[in-house]
Amino acid sequence: MLKNYSHTTVASTPATLVTVDTGHEVAIVSLLAAAGDNAGNLTVAVNDGTSDIWSCIMALTANNAAFLDSKIFLPAGYLLKVAGSVDGIKVMVSADDSEV
């Protein structure tokens, strides 16, 4: 089932966008980040429930957007987290949630 998630960052405050339930796996289909009036970085991280095992930093200029064109597969218990270096970065994620 396709699900959409959205979040607006608060500076240096991590947020969990996707949590994978037991018996499910999630494929992140797309991730779009759009900066407001302030340039900043968005850190996207995959967490295995204990620690971050992968991360990517997207550098955004003011009033611009970036698209992460990589598929990310998350098994049960994993999380997709984001953190912005500035307030107001808008993050939109489309994900396919499947039972396994």
PDB file of N, CA and C in Angstrom:
ATOM      1  N   MET A   1       0.842  -1.160   0.000  1.00  0.00           N
ATOM      2  CA  MET A   1       0.000   0.000   0.000  1.00  0.00           C
ATOM      3  C   MET A   1       0.900   1.240   0.000  1.00  0.00           C
ATOM      4  N   LEU A   2       0.640   2.147  -0.906  1.00  0.00           N
ATOM      5  CA  LEU A   2       1.415   3.381  -0.991  1.00  0.00           C
ATOM      6  C   LEU A   2       0.974   4.349   0.103  1.00  0.00           C
ATOM      7  N   LYS A   3       1.958   4.862   0.839  1.00  0.00           N
ATOM      8  CA  LYS A   3       1.687   5.827   1.903  1.00  0.00           C
ATOM      9  C   LYS A   3       2.545   7.057   1.675  1.00  0.00           C
ATOM     10  N   ASN A   4       2.020   8.204   2.060  1.00  0.00           N
ATOM     11  CA  ASN A   4       2.760   9.457   1.961  1.00  0.00           C
ATOM     12  C   ASN A   4       2.967  10.033   3.355  1.00  0.00           C
ATOM     13  N   TYR A   5       4.150  10.586   3.562  1.00  0.00           N
ATOM     14  CA  TYR A   5       4.514  11.185   4.843  1.00  0.00           C
ATOM     15  C   TYR A   5       5.038  12.585   4.578  1.00  0.00           C
ATOM     16  N   SER A   6       4.811  13.497   5.505  1.00  0.00           N
ATOM     17  CA  SER A   6       5.371  14.845   5.360  1.00  0.00           C
ATOM     18  C   SER A   6       5.817  15.354   6.722  1.00  0.00           C
ATOM     19  N   HIS A   7       6.762  16.263   6.689  1.00  0.00           N
ATOM     20  CA  HIS A   7       7.316  16.818   7.922  1.00  0.00           C
ATOM     21  C   HIS A   7       7.953  18.159   7.592  1.00  0.00           C
ATOM     22  N   THR A   8       7.884  19.095   8.519  1.00  0.00           N
ATOM     23  CA  THR A   8       8.595  20.369   8.418  1.00  0.00           C
ATOM     24  C   THR A   8       9.574  20.426   9.579  1.00  0.00           C
ATOM     25  N   THR A   9      10.846  20.639   9.253  1.00  0.00           N
ATOM     26  CA  THR A   9      11.891  20.546  10.273  1.00  0.00           C
ATOM     27  C   THR A   9      11.870  21.695  11.265  1.00  0.00           C
ATOM     28  N   VAL A  10      12.327  21.370  12.466  1.00  0.00           N
ATOM     29  CA  VAL A  10      12.681  22.326  13.509  1.00  0.00           C
ATOM     30  C   VAL A  10      14.182  22.126  13.682  1.00  0.00           C
ATOM     31  N   ALA A  11      14.954  23.192  13.644  1.00  0.00           N
ATOM     32  CA  ALA A  11      16.416  23.100  13.625  1.00  0.00           C
ATOM     33  C   ALA A  11      16.963  22.121  14.658  1.00  0.00           C
ATOM     34  N   SER A  12      17.817  21.228  14.173  1.00  0.00           N
ATOM     35  CA  SER A  12      18.554  20.261  15.009  1.00  0.00           C
ATOM     36  C   SER A  12      17.664  19.349  15.847  1.00  0.00           C
ATOM     37  N   THR A  13      16.434  19.128  15.396  1.00  0.00           N
ATOM     38  CA  THR A  13      15.509  18.248  16.108  1.00  0.00           C
ATOM     39  C   THR A  13      15.161  17.064  15.209  1.00  0.00           C
ATOM     40  N   PRO A  14      15.704  15.877  15.507  1.00  0.00           N
ATOM     41  CA  PRO A  14      15.405  14.708  14.671  1.00  0.00           C
ATOM     42  C   PRO A  14      13.927  14.328  14.744  1.00  0.00           C
ATOM     43  N   ALA A  15      13.426  13.799  13.638  1.00  0.00           N
ATOM     44  CA  ALA A  15      12.037  13.337  13.584  1.00  0.00           C
ATOM     45  C   ALA A  15      11.993  11.995  12.863  1.00  0.00           C
ATOM     46  N   THR A  16      11.174  11.089  13.359  1.00  0.00           N
ATOM     47  CA  THR A  16      10.973   9.797  12.701  1.00  0.00           C
ATOM     48  C   THR A  16       9.804   9.942  11.739  1.00  0.00           C
ATOM     49  N   LEU A  17      10.065   9.670  10.460  1.00  0.00           N
ATOM     50  CA  LEU A  17       9.003   9.757   9.453  1.00  0.00           C
ATOM     51  C   LEU A  17       8.324   8.415   9.228  1.00  0.00           C
ATOM     52  N   VAL A  18       9.114   7.341   9.186  1.00  0.00           N
ATOM     53  CA  VAL A  18       8.573   6.020   8.880  1.00  0.00           C
ATOM     54  C   VAL A  18       9.073   5.030   9.928  1.00  0.00           C
ATOM     55  N   THR A  19       8.152   4.254  10.485  1.00  0.00           N
ATOM     56  CA  THR A  19       8.484   3.145  11.379  1.00  0.00           C
ATOM     57  C   THR A  19       7.902   1.885  10.758  1.00  0.00           C
ATOM     58  N   VAL A  20       8.727   0.859  10.589  1.00  0.00           N
ATOM     59  CA  VAL A  20       8.267  -0.367   9.939  1.00  0.00           C
ATOM     60  C   VAL A  20       7.786  -1.356  11.000  1.00  0.00           C
ATOM     61  N   ASP A  21       6.524  -1.750  10.875  1.00  0.00           N
ATOM     62  CA  ASP A  21       5.906  -2.679  11.819  1.00  0.00           C
ATOM     63  C   ASP A  21       6.406  -4.106  11.609  1.00  0.00           C
ATOM     64  N   THR A  22       6.250  -4.943  12.635  1.00  0.00           N
ATOM     65  CA  THR A  22       6.584  -6.364  12.546  1.00  0.00           C
ATOM     66  C   THR A  22       5.773  -7.000  11.422  1.00  0.00           C
ATOM     67  N   GLY A  23       6.424  -7.830  10.620  1.00  0.00           N
ATOM     68  CA  GLY A  23       5.745  -8.506   9.525  1.00  0.00           C
ATOM     69  C   GLY A  23       5.587  -7.658   8.274  1.00  0.00           C
ATOM     70  N   HIS A  24       6.233  -6.503   8.247  1.00  0.00           N
ATOM     71  CA  HIS A  24       6.145  -5.610   7.091  1.00  0.00           C
ATOM     72  C   HIS A  24       7.548  -5.250   6.612  1.00  0.00           C
ATOM     73  N   GLU A  25       7.615  -4.756   5.406  1.00  0.00           N
ATOM     74  CA  GLU A  25       8.810  -4.097   4.897  1.00  0.00           C
ATOM     75  C   GLU A  25       8.341  -2.895   4.091  1.00  0.00           C
ATOM     76  N   VAL A  26       9.164  -1.879   4.053  1.00  0.00           N
ATOM     77  CA  VAL A  26       8.789  -0.632   3.390  1.00  0.00           C
ATOM     78  C   VAL A  26       9.859  -0.267   2.373  1.00  0.00           C
ATOM     79  N   ALA A  27       9.420   0.097   1.184  1.00  0.00           N
ATOM     80  CA  ALA A  27      10.320   0.614   0.157  1.00  0.00           C
ATOM     81  C   ALA A  27      10.057   2.110   0.027  1.00  0.00           C
ATOM     82  N   ILE A  28      11.066   2.906   0.305  1.00  0.00           N
ATOM     83  CA  ILE A  28      10.946   4.350   0.111  1.00  0.00           C
ATOM     84  C   ILE A  28      11.066   4.595  -1.388  1.00  0.00           C
ATOM     85  N   VAL A  29      10.003   5.097  -1.984  1.00  0.00           N
ATOM     86  CA  VAL A  29       9.937   5.291  -3.427  1.00  0.00           C
ATOM     87  C   VAL A  29      10.521   6.640  -3.822  1.00  0.00           C
ATOM     88  N   SER A  30      10.212   7.681  -3.055  1.00  0.00           N
ATOM     89  CA  SER A  30      10.752   9.008  -3.365  1.00  0.00           C
ATOM     90  C   SER A  30      10.860   9.838  -2.100  1.00  0.00           C
ATOM     91  N   LEU A  31      11.819  10.757  -2.124  1.00  0.00           N
ATOM     92  CA  LEU A  31      12.000  11.684  -1.017  1.00  0.00           C
ATOM     93  C   LEU A  31      12.333  13.043  -1.616  1.00  0.00           C
ATOM     94  N   LEU A  32      11.506  14.028  -1.312  1.00  0.00           N
ATOM     95  CA  LEU A  32      11.693  15.388  -1.804  1.00  0.00           C
ATOM     96  C   LEU A  32      11.860  16.313  -0.613  1.00  0.00           C
ATOM     97  N   ALA A  33      12.855  17.184  -0.683  1.00  0.00           N
ATOM     98  CA  ALA A  33      13.090  18.168   0.377  1.00  0.00           C
ATOM     99  C   ALA A  33      13.083  19.553  -0.250  1.00  0.00           C
ATOM    100  N   ALA A  34      12.389  20.484   0.391  1.00  0.00           N
ATOM    101  CA  ALA A  34      12.305  21.855  -0.110  1.00  0.00           C
ATOM    102  C   ALA A  34      12.656  22.823   1.011  1.00  0.00           C
ATOM    103  N   ALA A  35      13.627  23.685   0.739  1.00  0.00           N
ATOM    104  CA  ALA A  35      14.049  24.677   1.737  1.00  0.00           C
ATOM    105  C   ALA A  35      13.173  25.913   1.637  1.00  0.00           C
ATOM    106  N   GLY A  36      13.036  26.587   2.752  1.00  0.00           N
ATOM    107  CA  GLY A  36      12.318  27.855   2.786  1.00  0.00           C
ATOM    108  C   GLY A  36      13.281  28.998   2.499  1.00  0.00           C
ATOM    109  N   ASP A  37      13.155  30.067   3.253  1.00  0.00           N
ATOM    110  CA  ASP A  37      13.992  31.247   3.037  1.00  0.00           C
ATOM    111  C   ASP A  37      15.437  31.052   3.472  1.00  0.00           C
ATOM    112  N   ASN A  38      15.705  30.035   4.285  1.00  0.00           N
ATOM    113  CA  ASN A  38      17.061  29.806   4.784  1.00  0.00           C
ATOM    114  C   ASN A  38      17.678  28.569   4.156  1.00  0.00           C
ATOM    115  N   ALA A  39      18.920  28.691   3.690  1.00  0.00           N
ATOM    116  CA  ALA A  39      19.657  27.533   3.205  1.00  0.00           C
ATOM    117  C   ALA A  39      20.001  26.652   4.397  1.00  0.00           C
ATOM    118  N   GLY A  40      20.117  25.356   4.164  1.00  0.00           N
ATOM    119  CA  GLY A  40      20.476  24.457   5.257  1.00  0.00           C
ATOM    120  C   GLY A  40      20.671  23.041   4.769  1.00  0.00           C
ATOM    121  N   ASN A  41      21.013  22.164   5.696  1.00  0.00           N
ATOM    122  CA  ASN A  41      21.227  20.752   5.392  1.00  0.00           C
ATOM    123  C   ASN A  41      20.105  19.913   5.972  1.00  0.00           C
ATOM    124  N   LEU A  42      19.740  18.880   5.231  1.00  0.00           N
ATOM    125  CA  LEU A  42      18.793  17.891   5.720  1.00  0.00           C
ATOM    126  C   LEU A  42      19.531  16.564   5.799  1.00  0.00           C
ATOM    127  N   THR A  43      19.548  15.959   6.975  1.00  0.00           N
ATOM    128  CA  THR A  43      20.150  14.639   7.146  1.00  0.00           C
ATOM    129  C   THR A  43      19.040  13.603   7.143  1.00  0.00           C
ATOM    130  N   VAL A  44      19.158  12.631   6.238  1.00  0.00           N
ATOM    131  CA  VAL A  44      18.225  11.517   6.143  1.00  0.00           C
ATOM    132  C   VAL A  44      18.967  10.300   6.680  1.00  0.00           C
ATOM    133  N   ALA A  45      18.380   9.582   7.631  1.00  0.00           N
ATOM    134  CA  ALA A  45      19.066   8.444   8.251  1.00  0.00           C
ATOM    135  C   ALA A  45      18.158   7.228   8.332  1.00  0.00           C
ATOM    136  N   VAL A  46      18.769   6.059   8.157  1.00  0.00           N
ATOM    137  CA  VAL A  46      18.101   4.784   8.387  1.00  0.00           C
ATOM    138  C   VAL A  46      18.615   4.257   9.714  1.00  0.00           C
ATOM    139  N   ASN A  47      17.684   3.898  10.592  1.00  0.00           N
ATOM    140  CA  ASN A  47      18.021   3.426  11.929  1.00  0.00           C
ATOM    141  C   ASN A  47      17.499   2.002  12.074  1.00  0.00           C
ATOM    142  N   ASP A  48      18.322   1.113  12.643  1.00  0.00           N
ATOM    143  CA  ASP A  48      17.919  -0.289  12.798  1.00  0.00           C
ATOM    144  C   ASP A  48      17.185  -0.559  14.108  1.00  0.00           C
ATOM    145  N   GLY A  49      16.754   0.497  14.771  1.00  0.00           N
ATOM    146  CA  GLY A  49      16.079   0.368  16.052  1.00  0.00           C
ATOM    147  C   GLY A  49      17.008   0.638  17.220  1.00  0.00           C
ATOM    148  N   THR A  50      18.317   0.614  16.942  1.00  0.00           N
ATOM    149  CA  THR A  50      19.325   0.865  17.962  1.00  0.00           C
ATOM    150  C   THR A  50      20.212   2.043  17.599  1.00  0.00           C
ATOM    151  N   SER A  51      20.678   2.051  16.355  1.00  0.00           N
ATOM    152  CA  SER A  51      21.577   3.122  15.920  1.00  0.00           C
ATOM    153  C   SER A  51      21.397   3.389  14.434  1.00  0.00           C
ATOM    154  N   ASP A  52      21.873   4.551  13.998  1.00  0.00           N
ATOM    155  CA  ASP A  52      21.819   4.894  12.579  1.00  0.00           C
ATOM    156  C   ASP A  52      22.840   4.043  11.834  1.00  0.00           C
ATOM    157  N   ILE A  53      22.392   3.385  10.756  1.00  0.00           N
ATOM    158  CA  ILE A  53      23.294   2.525   9.991  1.00  0.00           C
ATOM    159  C   ILE A  53      23.620   3.104   8.618  1.00  0.00           C
ATOM    160  N   TRP A  54      22.886   4.131   8.202  1.00  0.00           N
ATOM    161  CA  TRP A  54      23.133   4.790   6.921  1.00  0.00           C
ATOM    162  C   TRP A  54      22.586   6.197   7.028  1.00  0.00           C
ATOM    163  N   SER A  55      23.286   7.139   6.404  1.00  0.00           N
ATOM    164  CA  SER A  55      22.758   8.505   6.366  1.00  0.00           C
ATOM    165  C   SER A  55      23.235   9.214   5.113  1.00  0.00           C
ATOM    166  N   CYS A  56      22.505  10.239   4.767  1.00  0.00           N
ATOM    167  CA  CYS A  56      22.796  11.055   3.594  1.00  0.00           C
ATOM    168  C   CYS A  56      22.489  12.498   3.969  1.00  0.00           C
ATOM    169  N   ILE A  57      23.378  13.404   3.605  1.00  0.00           N
ATOM    170  CA  ILE A  57      23.148  14.824   3.880  1.00  0.00           C
ATOM    171  C   ILE A  57      22.834  15.528   2.564  1.00  0.00           C
ATOM    172  N   MET A  58      21.693  16.192   2.532  1.00  0.00           N
ATOM    173  CA  MET A  58      21.280  16.962   1.357  1.00  0.00           C
ATOM    174  C   MET A  58      21.479  18.441   1.677  1.00  0.00           C
ATOM    175  N   ALA A  59      22.343  19.104   0.917  1.00  0.00           N
ATOM    176  CA  ALA A  59      22.587  20.536   1.107  1.00  0.00           C
ATOM    177  C   ALA A  59      21.595  21.306   0.239  1.00  0.00           C
ATOM    178  N   LEU A  60      20.801  22.157   0.869  1.00  0.00           N
ATOM    179  CA  LEU A  60      19.754  22.891   0.162  1.00  0.00           C
ATOM    180  C   LEU A  60      20.047  24.383   0.182  1.00  0.00           C
ATOM    181  N   THR A  61      19.891  25.020  -0.959  1.00  0.00           N
ATOM    182  CA  THR A  61      19.984  26.473  -1.006  1.00  0.00           C
ATOM    183  C   THR A  61      18.604  27.046  -0.703  1.00  0.00           C
ATOM    184  N   ALA A  62      18.549  28.296  -0.325  1.00  0.00           N
ATOM    185  CA  ALA A  62      17.279  28.936   0.021  1.00  0.00           C
ATOM    186  C   ALA A  62      16.296  28.860  -1.143  1.00  0.00           C
ATOM    187  N   ASN A  63      15.041  28.585  -0.824  1.00  0.00           N
ATOM    188  CA  ASN A  63      13.952  28.534  -1.805  1.00  0.00           C
ATOM    189  C   ASN A  63      14.244  27.590  -2.966  1.00  0.00           C
ATOM    190  N   ASN A  64      14.813  26.432  -2.638  1.00  0.00           N
ATOM    191  CA  ASN A  64      15.134  25.441  -3.652  1.00  0.00           C
ATOM    192  C   ASN A  64      14.745  24.066  -3.131  1.00  0.00           C
ATOM    193  N   ALA A  65      14.714  23.082  -4.018  1.00  0.00           N
ATOM    194  CA  ALA A  65      14.318  21.728  -3.636  1.00  0.00           C
ATOM    195  C   ALA A  65      15.329  20.714  -4.149  1.00  0.00           C
ATOM    196  N   ALA A  66      15.331  19.540  -3.532  1.00  0.00           N
ATOM    197  CA  ALA A  66      16.197  18.440  -3.958  1.00  0.00           C
ATOM    198  C   ALA A  66      15.400  17.143  -3.866  1.00  0.00           C
ATOM    199  N   PHE A  67      15.738  16.214  -4.751  1.00  0.00           N
ATOM    200  CA  PHE A  67      15.051  14.929  -4.841  1.00  0.00           C
ATOM    201  C   PHE A  67      16.076  13.826  -4.622  1.00  0.00           C
ATOM    202  N   LEU A  68      15.833  12.927  -3.684  1.00  0.00           N
ATOM    203  CA  LEU A  68      16.721  11.791  -3.449  1.00  0.00           C
ATOM    204  C   LEU A  68      16.245  10.663  -4.346  1.00  0.00           C
ATOM    205  N   ASP A  69      17.014  10.392  -5.392  1.00  0.00           N
ATOM    206  CA  ASP A  69      16.622   9.418  -6.402  1.00  0.00           C
ATOM    207  C   ASP A  69      17.276   8.065  -6.127  1.00  0.00           C
ATOM    208  N   SER A  70      17.054   7.542  -4.948  1.00  0.00           N
ATOM    209  CA  SER A  70      17.557   6.223  -4.558  1.00  0.00           C
ATOM    210  C   SER A  70      16.427   5.490  -3.859  1.00  0.00           C
ATOM    211  N   LYS A  71      16.339   4.220  -4.113  1.00  0.00           N
ATOM    212  CA  LYS A  71      15.335   3.422  -3.407  1.00  0.00           C
ATOM    213  C   LYS A  71      15.960   2.946  -2.101  1.00  0.00           C
ATOM    214  N   ILE A  72      15.224   3.062  -1.017  1.00  0.00           N
ATOM    215  CA  ILE A  72      15.686   2.638   0.300  1.00  0.00           C
ATOM    216  C   ILE A  72      14.706   1.577   0.796  1.00  0.00           C
ATOM    217  N   PHE A  73      15.217   0.397   1.113  1.00  0.00           N
ATOM    218  CA  PHE A  73      14.367  -0.685   1.600  1.00  0.00           C
ATOM    219  C   PHE A  73      14.572  -0.855   3.099  1.00  0.00           C
ATOM    220  N   LEU A  74      13.471  -0.849   3.834  1.00  0.00           N
ATOM    221  CA  LEU A  74      13.511  -0.940   5.291  1.00  0.00           C
ATOM    222  C   LEU A  74      12.792  -2.204   5.754  1.00  0.00           C
ATOM    223  N   PRO A  75      13.491  -3.114   6.446  1.00  0.00           N
ATOM    224  CA  PRO A  75      12.818  -4.287   7.006  1.00  0.00           C
ATOM    225  C   PRO A  75      12.118  -3.948   8.318  1.00  0.00           C
ATOM    226  N   ALA A  76      11.427  -4.912   8.875  1.00  0.00           N
ATOM    227  CA  ALA A  76      10.691  -4.729  10.136  1.00  0.00           C
ATOM    228  C   ALA A  76      11.613  -4.195  11.226  1.00  0.00           C
ATOM    229  N   GLY A  77      11.104  -3.225  11.984  1.00  0.00           N
ATOM    230  CA  GLY A  77      11.849  -2.647  13.093  1.00  0.00           C
ATOM    231  C   GLY A  77      12.726  -1.468  12.730  1.00  0.00           C
ATOM    232  N   TYR A  78      12.874  -1.191  11.455  1.00  0.00           N
ATOM    233  CA  TYR A  78      13.729  -0.082  11.026  1.00  0.00           C
ATOM    234  C   TYR A  78      12.939   1.223  10.989  1.00  0.00           C
ATOM    235  N   LEU A  79      13.676   2.337  11.039  1.00  0.00           N
ATOM    236  CA  LEU A  79      13.085   3.674  11.031  1.00  0.00           C
ATOM    237  C   LEU A  79      13.745   4.524   9.957  1.00  0.00           C
ATOM    238  N   LEU A  80      12.984   5.442   9.381  1.00  0.00           N
ATOM    239  CA  LEU A  80      13.545   6.483   8.520  1.00  0.00           C
ATOM    240  C   LEU A  80      13.406   7.791   9.281  1.00  0.00           C
ATOM    241  N   LYS A  81      14.549   8.446   9.533  1.00  0.00           N
ATOM    242  CA  LYS A  81      14.557   9.669  10.328  1.00  0.00           C
ATOM    243  C   LYS A  81      15.134  10.816   9.507  1.00  0.00           C
ATOM    244  N   VAL A  82      14.728  12.031   9.854  1.00  0.00           N
ATOM    245  CA  VAL A  82      15.286  13.234   9.228  1.00  0.00           C
ATOM    246  C   VAL A  82      15.604  14.262  10.307  1.00  0.00           C
ATOM    247  N   ALA A  83      16.579  15.116  10.003  1.00  0.00           N
ATOM    248  CA  ALA A  83      16.912  16.237  10.888  1.00  0.00           C
ATOM    249  C   ALA A  83      17.407  17.379  10.014  1.00  0.00           C
ATOM    250  N   GLY A  84      16.892  18.564  10.241  1.00  0.00           N
ATOM    251  CA  GLY A  84      17.305  19.739   9.487  1.00  0.00           C
ATOM    252  C   GLY A  84      18.199  20.635  10.313  1.00  0.00           C
ATOM    253  N   SER A  85      19.129  21.300   9.648  1.00  0.00           N
ATOM    254  CA  SER A  85      20.004  22.240  10.355  1.00  0.00           C
ATOM    255  C   SER A  85      19.315  23.580  10.588  1.00  0.00           C
ATOM    256  N   VAL A  86      18.200  23.802   9.895  1.00  0.00           N
ATOM    257  CA  VAL A  86      17.432  25.043  10.035  1.00  0.00           C
ATOM    258  C   VAL A  86      15.944  24.701  10.136  1.00  0.00           C
ATOM    259  N   ASP A  87      15.167  25.638  10.623  1.00  0.00           N
ATOM    260  CA  ASP A  87      13.711  25.491  10.642  1.00  0.00           C
ATOM    261  C   ASP A  87      13.165  25.574   9.220  1.00  0.00           C
ATOM    262  N   GLY A  88      12.070  24.879   8.980  1.00  0.00           N
ATOM    263  CA  GLY A  88      11.285  25.110   7.778  1.00  0.00           C
ATOM    264  C   GLY A  88      11.624  24.309   6.547  1.00  0.00           C
ATOM    265  N   ILE A  89      12.488  23.292   6.635  1.00  0.00           N
ATOM    266  CA  ILE A  89      12.709  22.426   5.477  1.00  0.00           C
ATOM    267  C   ILE A  89      11.525  21.463   5.417  1.00  0.00           C
ATOM    268  N   LYS A  90      10.847  21.449   4.288  1.00  0.00           N
ATOM    269  CA  LYS A  90       9.695  20.570   4.113  1.00  0.00           C
ATOM    270  C   LYS A  90      10.169  19.272   3.465  1.00  0.00           C
ATOM    271  N   VAL A  91       9.748  18.153   4.051  1.00  0.00           N
ATOM    272  CA  VAL A  91      10.154  16.835   3.570  1.00  0.00           C
ATOM    273  C   VAL A  91       8.900  16.055   3.198  1.00  0.00           C
ATOM    274  N   MET A  92       8.889  15.490   1.998  1.00  0.00           N
ATOM    275  CA  MET A  92       7.782  14.671   1.535  1.00  0.00           C
ATOM    276  C   MET A  92       8.336  13.305   1.129  1.00  0.00           C
ATOM    277  N   VAL A  93       7.727  12.232   1.641  1.00  0.00           N
ATOM    278  CA  VAL A  93       8.183  10.871   1.366  1.00  0.00           C
ATOM    279  C   VAL A  93       7.004  10.049   0.869  1.00  0.00           C
ATOM    280  N   SER A  94       7.231   9.287  -0.206  1.00  0.00           N
ATOM    281  CA  SER A  94       6.268   8.286  -0.661  1.00  0.00           C
ATOM    282  C   SER A  94       6.898   6.925  -0.420  1.00  0.00           C
ATOM    283  N   ALA A  95       6.124   6.012   0.170  1.00  0.00           N
ATOM    284  CA  ALA A  95       6.657   4.703   0.524  1.00  0.00           C
ATOM    285  C   ALA A  95       5.623   3.618   0.250  1.00  0.00           C
ATOM    286  N   ASP A  96       6.116   2.446  -0.134  1.00  0.00           N
ATOM    287  CA  ASP A  96       5.260   1.289  -0.368  1.00  0.00           C
ATOM    288  C   ASP A  96       5.418   0.331   0.806  1.00  0.00           C
ATOM    289  N   ASP A  97       4.354   0.142   1.575  1.00  0.00           N
ATOM    290  CA  ASP A  97       4.357  -0.724   2.760  1.00  0.00           C
ATOM    291  C   ASP A  97       3.755  -2.070   2.368  1.00  0.00           C
ATOM    292  N   SER A  98       4.528  -3.154   2.564  1.00  0.00           N
ATOM    293  CA  SER A  98       4.070  -4.489   2.183  1.00  0.00           C
ATOM    294  C   SER A  98       4.162  -5.453   3.350  1.00  0.00           C
ATOM    295  N   GLU A  99       3.198  -6.375   3.434  1.00  0.00           N
ATOM    296  CA  GLU A  99       3.287  -7.460   4.417  1.00  0.00           C
ATOM    297  C   GLU A  99       4.191  -8.536   3.851  1.00  0.00           C
ATOM    298  N   VAL A 100       4.998  -9.137   4.741  1.00  0.00           N
ATOM    299  CA  VAL A 100       5.888 -10.226   4.305  1.00  0.00           C
ATOM    300  C   VAL A 100       5.611 -11.480   5.096  1.00  0.00           C
TER     301      VAL A 100
END
